[in-house]
Amino acid sequence: MAGNMACYVLLAQASAPEVAEQVAQQYQVCPYVHFIAASGLTLVGVWYLPENQRWWLELVAENPQLTLGLAQAAVFRSDTAFPAAAEYASKTRTGDAEVCPCGSDCRECDWFEVCSHCPATTHYRQH
């Protein structure tokens, strides 16, 4: 996995408990997700992302309804270097799938050409 890793925390509120739970279930298999859980309307997640992929979560904070169907979202980036981030990066799941474990298809994304894509897909190694 290329680039420096940073830790991001997502705090979000869904319009319904089912929405929060669905997002948590969908993204628990993401190679970048260290932790994600829903409790009622609240969704909390911890990501270790390469710096060049930080826009993924920034986009969620800017457009929570459009991206994940959430009512509100805030993303916090840690300015502290976490040793766990480097260790986590070495354990990140990689693969040759066409579709991401979360069910997203990178090829359908508007940012496909500028993204390094999910490491679980064949798209990741193509760029």
C-alpha atoms as a PDB file:
ATOM      1  CA  MET A   1       0.000   0.000   0.000  1.00  0.00           C
ATOM      2  CA  ALA A   2       1.584   3.228  -1.133  1.00  0.00           C
ATOM      3  CA  GLY A   3       1.744   6.529   0.690  1.00  0.00           C
ATOM      4  CA  ASN A   4       1.673   7.629   4.277  1.00  0.00           C
ATOM      5  CA  MET A   5      -1.197   6.304   6.328  1.00  0.00           C
ATOM      6  CA  ALA A   6      -3.328   8.511   8.568  1.00  0.00           C
ATOM      7  CA  CYS A   7      -6.056   7.707  11.049  1.00  0.00           C
ATOM      8  CA  TYR A   8      -9.532   9.118  10.425  1.00  0.00           C
ATOM      9  CA  VAL A   9     -12.550   8.955  12.701  1.00  0.00           C
ATOM     10  CA  LEU A  10     -16.056   9.238  11.267  1.00  0.00           C
ATOM     11  CA  LEU A  11     -18.877  10.309  13.576  1.00  0.00           C
ATOM     12  CA  ALA A  12     -22.255  10.281  11.889  1.00  0.00           C
ATOM     13  CA  GLN A  13     -25.965  10.290  12.477  1.00  0.00           C
ATOM     14  CA  ALA A  14     -28.374   8.367  10.293  1.00  0.00           C
ATOM     15  CA  SER A  15     -32.024   9.135   9.631  1.00  0.00           C
ATOM     16  CA  ALA A  16     -32.983   5.713  11.011  1.00  0.00           C
ATOM     17  CA  PRO A  17     -31.224   2.997  13.045  1.00  0.00           C
ATOM     18  CA  GLU A  18     -31.521   0.638  10.077  1.00  0.00           C
ATOM     19  CA  VAL A  19     -29.513   3.025   7.908  1.00  0.00           C
ATOM     20  CA  ALA A  20     -26.682   3.261  10.464  1.00  0.00           C
ATOM     21  CA  GLU A  21     -26.622  -0.520  10.843  1.00  0.00           C
ATOM     22  CA  GLN A  22     -26.619  -1.077   7.076  1.00  0.00           C
ATOM     23  CA  VAL A  23     -23.630   1.257   6.590  1.00  0.00           C
ATOM     24  CA  ALA A  24     -21.748  -0.448   9.444  1.00  0.00           C
ATOM     25  CA  GLN A  25     -22.426  -3.889   7.977  1.00  0.00           C
ATOM     26  CA  GLN A  26     -21.499  -2.819   4.455  1.00  0.00           C
ATOM     27  CA  TYR A  27     -18.188  -1.205   5.382  1.00  0.00           C
ATOM     28  CA  GLN A  28     -16.954  -3.615   8.066  1.00  0.00           C
ATOM     29  CA  VAL A  29     -15.289  -5.578   5.257  1.00  0.00           C
ATOM     30  CA  CYS A  30     -13.499  -2.524   3.799  1.00  0.00           C
ATOM     31  CA  PRO A  31      -9.730  -3.094   3.790  1.00  0.00           C
ATOM     32  CA  TYR A  32      -9.201   0.401   5.206  1.00  0.00           C
ATOM     33  CA  VAL A  33     -11.704   0.109   8.074  1.00  0.00           C
ATOM     34  CA  HIS A  34     -10.156  -0.676  11.433  1.00  0.00           C
ATOM     35  CA  PHE A  35     -13.451  -0.387  13.342  1.00  0.00           C
ATOM     36  CA  ILE A  36     -17.045   0.549  12.509  1.00  0.00           C
ATOM     37  CA  ALA A  37     -20.199   0.197  14.580  1.00  0.00           C
ATOM     38  CA  ALA A  38     -23.743   1.502  14.788  1.00  0.00           C
ATOM     39  CA  SER A  39     -25.796   2.190  17.879  1.00  0.00           C
ATOM     40  CA  GLY A  40     -29.252   3.559  17.241  1.00  0.00           C
ATOM     41  CA  LEU A  41     -28.870   6.529  14.911  1.00  0.00           C
ATOM     42  CA  THR A  42     -25.130   6.886  15.632  1.00  0.00           C
ATOM     43  CA  LEU A  43     -22.374   5.513  13.417  1.00  0.00           C
ATOM     44  CA  VAL A  44     -18.709   5.543  14.456  1.00  0.00           C
ATOM     45  CA  GLY A  45     -15.833   4.364  12.288  1.00  0.00           C
ATOM     46  CA  VAL A  46     -12.046   4.366  12.331  1.00  0.00           C
ATOM     47  CA  TRP A  47     -10.172   4.236   9.027  1.00  0.00           C
ATOM     48  CA  TYR A  48      -6.474   3.961   8.273  1.00  0.00           C
ATOM     49  CA  LEU A  49      -6.160   5.561   4.847  1.00  0.00           C
ATOM     50  CA  PRO A  50      -3.298   6.565   2.593  1.00  0.00           C
ATOM     51  CA  GLU A  51      -3.135  10.358   2.365  1.00  0.00           C
ATOM     52  CA  ASN A  52      -4.056  10.248  -1.330  1.00  0.00           C
ATOM     53  CA  GLN A  53      -7.381   8.586  -0.404  1.00  0.00           C
ATOM     54  CA  ARG A  54      -8.424  11.036   2.340  1.00  0.00           C
ATOM     55  CA  TRP A  55     -10.937  12.567  -0.056  1.00  0.00           C
ATOM     56  CA  TRP A  56     -13.107   9.459   0.359  1.00  0.00           C
ATOM     57  CA  LEU A  57     -14.032  10.416   3.902  1.00  0.00           C
ATOM     58  CA  GLU A  58     -13.911  14.154   3.269  1.00  0.00           C
ATOM     59  CA  LEU A  59     -16.566  13.604   0.608  1.00  0.00           C
ATOM     60  CA  VAL A  60     -18.705  11.742   3.159  1.00  0.00           C
ATOM     61  CA  ALA A  61     -18.422  14.691   5.584  1.00  0.00           C
ATOM     62  CA  GLU A  62     -19.346  17.172   2.833  1.00  0.00           C
ATOM     63  CA  ASN A  63     -22.202  15.093   1.360  1.00  0.00           C
ATOM     64  CA  PRO A  64     -23.333  12.487   3.914  1.00  0.00           C
ATOM     65  CA  GLN A  65     -26.749  11.925   2.315  1.00  0.00           C
ATOM     66  CA  LEU A  66     -25.389  11.544  -1.197  1.00  0.00           C
ATOM     67  CA  THR A  67     -22.453   9.274  -0.305  1.00  0.00           C
ATOM     68  CA  LEU A  68     -23.724   6.958   2.440  1.00  0.00           C
ATOM     69  CA  GLY A  69     -27.324   7.995   3.044  1.00  0.00           C
ATOM     70  CA  LEU A  70     -26.495   9.584   6.394  1.00  0.00           C
ATOM     71  CA  ALA A  71     -28.204  12.645   7.878  1.00  0.00           C
ATOM     72  CA  GLN A  72     -24.997  14.209   9.271  1.00  0.00           C
ATOM     73  CA  ALA A  73     -21.330  13.286   9.314  1.00  0.00           C
ATOM     74  CA  ALA A  74     -18.057  14.670  10.583  1.00  0.00           C
ATOM     75  CA  VAL A  75     -14.581  13.351   9.874  1.00  0.00           C
ATOM     76  CA  PHE A  76     -11.574  13.953  12.092  1.00  0.00           C
ATOM     77  CA  ARG A  77      -7.986  13.331  10.993  1.00  0.00           C
ATOM     78  CA  SER A  78      -5.346  12.581  13.561  1.00  0.00           C
ATOM     79  CA  ASP A  79      -2.233  14.747  13.398  1.00  0.00           C
ATOM     80  CA  THR A  80      -0.443  12.175  15.528  1.00  0.00           C
ATOM     81  CA  ALA A  81       1.445   9.356  13.858  1.00  0.00           C
ATOM     82  CA  PHE A  82      -0.135   6.101  14.933  1.00  0.00           C
ATOM     83  CA  PRO A  83       2.216   3.100  14.897  1.00  0.00           C
ATOM     84  CA  ALA A  84      -0.880   0.942  14.433  1.00  0.00           C
ATOM     85  CA  ALA A  85      -1.545   2.593  11.057  1.00  0.00           C
ATOM     86  CA  ALA A  86       1.663   1.263   9.543  1.00  0.00           C
ATOM     87  CA  GLU A  87       1.045  -2.166  11.057  1.00  0.00           C
ATOM     88  CA  TYR A  88      -2.536  -2.141   9.799  1.00  0.00           C
ATOM     89  CA  ALA A  89      -1.411  -1.180   6.302  1.00  0.00           C
ATOM     90  CA  SER A  90       0.752  -4.289   6.135  1.00  0.00           C
ATOM     91  CA  LYS A  91      -2.298  -6.429   6.997  1.00  0.00           C
ATOM     92  CA  THR A  92      -4.700  -4.775   4.565  1.00  0.00           C
ATOM     93  CA  ARG A  93      -6.622  -7.326   2.553  1.00  0.00           C
ATOM     94  CA  THR A  94      -5.776  -7.362  -1.122  1.00  0.00           C
ATOM     95  CA  GLY A  95      -7.303  -9.393  -3.897  1.00  0.00           C
ATOM     96  CA  ASP A  96      -8.376  -9.691  -7.473  1.00  0.00           C
ATOM     97  CA  ALA A  97     -12.091  -8.926  -7.180  1.00  0.00           C
ATOM     98  CA  GLU A  98     -13.863  -6.768  -9.743  1.00  0.00           C
ATOM     99  CA  VAL A  99     -16.173  -5.312  -7.081  1.00  0.00           C
ATOM    100  CA  CYS A 100     -15.086  -4.040  -3.641  1.00  0.00           C
ATOM    101  CA  PRO A 101     -15.983  -6.112  -0.549  1.00  0.00           C
ATOM    102  CA  CYS A 102     -18.426  -3.328   0.426  1.00  0.00           C
ATOM    103  CA  GLY A 103     -20.248  -3.875  -2.865  1.00  0.00           C
ATOM    104  CA  SER A 104     -18.995  -0.729  -4.614  1.00  0.00           C
ATOM    105  CA  ASP A 105     -17.822  -0.953  -8.198  1.00  0.00           C
ATOM    106  CA  CYS A 106     -14.913   1.463  -8.646  1.00  0.00           C
ATOM    107  CA  ARG A 107     -15.543   1.622 -12.377  1.00  0.00           C
ATOM    108  CA  GLU A 108     -18.902   3.358 -11.755  1.00  0.00           C
ATOM    109  CA  CYS A 109     -17.410   6.147  -9.627  1.00  0.00           C
ATOM    110  CA  ASP A 110     -16.982   9.668 -11.008  1.00  0.00           C
ATOM    111  CA  TRP A 111     -13.486   9.761  -9.481  1.00  0.00           C
ATOM    112  CA  PHE A 112     -12.307   6.444 -10.948  1.00  0.00           C
ATOM    113  CA  GLU A 113      -9.522   7.982 -13.045  1.00  0.00           C
ATOM    114  CA  VAL A 114      -7.924   9.897 -10.141  1.00  0.00           C
ATOM    115  CA  CYS A 115      -8.332   7.223  -7.463  1.00  0.00           C
ATOM    116  CA  SER A 116      -5.999   4.429  -6.428  1.00  0.00           C
ATOM    117  CA  HIS A 117      -9.107   2.289  -5.709  1.00  0.00           C
ATOM    118  CA  CYS A 118      -9.808  -0.399  -3.156  1.00  0.00           C
ATOM    119  CA  PRO A 119      -6.834  -2.720  -2.576  1.00  0.00           C
ATOM    120  CA  ALA A 120      -9.196  -5.715  -2.658  1.00  0.00           C
ATOM    121  CA  THR A 121      -9.851  -5.155  -6.369  1.00  0.00           C
ATOM    122  CA  THR A 122      -7.889  -5.593  -9.548  1.00  0.00           C
ATOM    123  CA  HIS A 123      -8.348  -1.841 -10.171  1.00  0.00           C
ATOM    124  CA  TYR A 124      -5.940  -1.009  -7.334  1.00  0.00           C
ATOM    125  CA  ARG A 125      -2.921  -2.394  -9.142  1.00  0.00           C
ATOM    126  CA  GLN A 126      -3.896  -0.955 -12.509  1.00  0.00           C
ATOM    127  CA  HIS A 127      -3.176   2.661 -11.499  1.00  0.00           C
END
